[in-house]
Amino acid sequence: MEKVLIFGNTKEARDIAKTLRRRGRQVMFSVVSEYAKSLLPLGTLCHVGRLNGEEMMAFIAGLEKSCGHMHVFSLGKSPKY
């Protein structure tokens, strides 16, 4: 089964996840807050917490070691610095 990791929780991200699930993909989200997680369907695999670039890379590497290759997408607005 193909696995997809989505960073962000916009309506568009949730719509894409719904489509991917219908097509047989396993979807996992990474969001920054419990509120953002509460917008996802019950049972959705989800990491909660802000990650910087290095932490994102380590998180992805850890997932790949435990469950194989993942497709990674960031859907939403880029942070402003």
Protein backbone atom coordinates (compact mmCIF):
# COMPACT_ATOMS: atom_id res chain seq x y z
CA MET A 1 0.00 0.00 0.00
CA GLU A 2 1.34 3.43 -0.90
CA LYS A 3 1.75 5.79 2.03
CA VAL A 4 1.43 9.57 1.89
CA LEU A 5 2.53 12.07 4.53
CA ILE A 6 0.88 15.49 4.41
CA PHE A 7 2.26 18.48 6.30
CA GLY A 8 -0.59 20.90 6.94
CA ASN A 9 -4.30 20.77 7.47
CA THR A 10 -6.04 23.02 5.00
CA LYS A 11 -9.41 22.10 3.53
CA GLU A 12 -7.57 21.27 0.31
CA ALA A 13 -5.23 18.91 2.19
CA ARG A 14 -8.19 17.12 3.79
CA ASP A 15 -9.94 16.85 0.38
CA ILE A 16 -6.81 15.42 -1.23
CA ALA A 17 -6.44 12.95 1.65
CA LYS A 18 -10.03 11.81 1.19
CA THR A 19 -9.38 11.17 -2.50
CA LEU A 20 -6.12 9.35 -1.78
CA ARG A 21 -7.85 7.10 0.79
CA ARG A 22 -10.56 6.23 -1.73
CA ARG A 23 -7.77 5.23 -4.10
CA GLY A 24 -6.24 2.87 -1.53
CA ARG A 25 -3.44 5.02 -0.12
CA GLN A 26 -2.64 5.25 3.56
CA VAL A 27 -2.52 8.91 4.63
CA MET A 28 -0.77 10.43 7.64
CA PHE A 29 -0.88 14.10 8.63
CA SER A 30 1.56 16.25 10.55
CA VAL A 31 -0.16 19.24 12.15
CA VAL A 32 0.89 21.82 14.73
CA SER A 33 -1.99 21.67 17.21
CA GLU A 34 -4.62 19.46 18.82
CA TYR A 35 -7.24 21.74 17.28
CA ALA A 36 -5.89 20.99 13.79
CA LYS A 37 -5.98 17.27 14.61
CA SER A 38 -9.61 17.61 15.74
CA LEU A 39 -10.55 18.69 12.18
CA LEU A 40 -9.36 15.37 10.77
CA PRO A 41 -11.60 12.30 10.53
CA LEU A 42 -11.44 10.03 13.59
CA GLY A 43 -8.73 7.42 13.30
CA THR A 44 -6.49 9.47 11.00
CA LEU A 45 -2.81 8.83 11.63
CA CYS A 46 -1.45 12.14 12.86
CA HIS A 47 1.67 13.69 14.37
CA VAL A 48 0.92 16.77 16.49
CA GLY A 49 3.60 19.38 17.09
CA ARG A 50 5.59 22.04 15.32
CA LEU A 51 8.66 20.76 13.45
CA ASN A 52 11.56 22.77 12.03
CA GLY A 53 13.33 21.65 8.85
CA GLU A 54 15.78 19.33 10.59
CA GLU A 55 13.03 17.78 12.70
CA MET A 56 10.91 17.22 9.57
CA MET A 57 13.77 15.39 7.87
CA ALA A 58 14.39 13.23 10.95
CA PHE A 59 10.65 12.51 11.26
CA ILE A 60 10.44 11.44 7.60
CA ALA A 61 13.59 9.30 7.92
CA GLY A 62 12.14 7.58 10.99
CA LEU A 63 8.90 6.84 9.20
CA GLU A 64 10.72 5.45 6.18
CA LYS A 65 12.72 3.11 8.43
CA SER A 66 9.61 1.83 10.18
CA CYS A 67 7.16 1.60 7.27
CA GLY A 68 9.03 1.98 3.98
CA HIS A 69 9.09 4.77 1.43
CA MET A 70 6.54 7.56 1.84
CA HIS A 71 5.41 10.30 -0.51
CA VAL A 72 5.63 13.64 1.31
CA PHE A 73 3.57 16.73 0.53
CA SER A 74 3.25 20.14 2.14
CA LEU A 75 -0.15 21.63 1.48
CA GLY A 76 -0.84 25.07 2.75
CA LYS A 77 0.74 28.43 3.19
CA SER A 78 4.47 28.68 3.70
CA PRO A 79 5.46 30.17 7.02
CA LYS A 80 6.46 33.82 6.99
CA TYR A 81 9.75 34.65 8.66
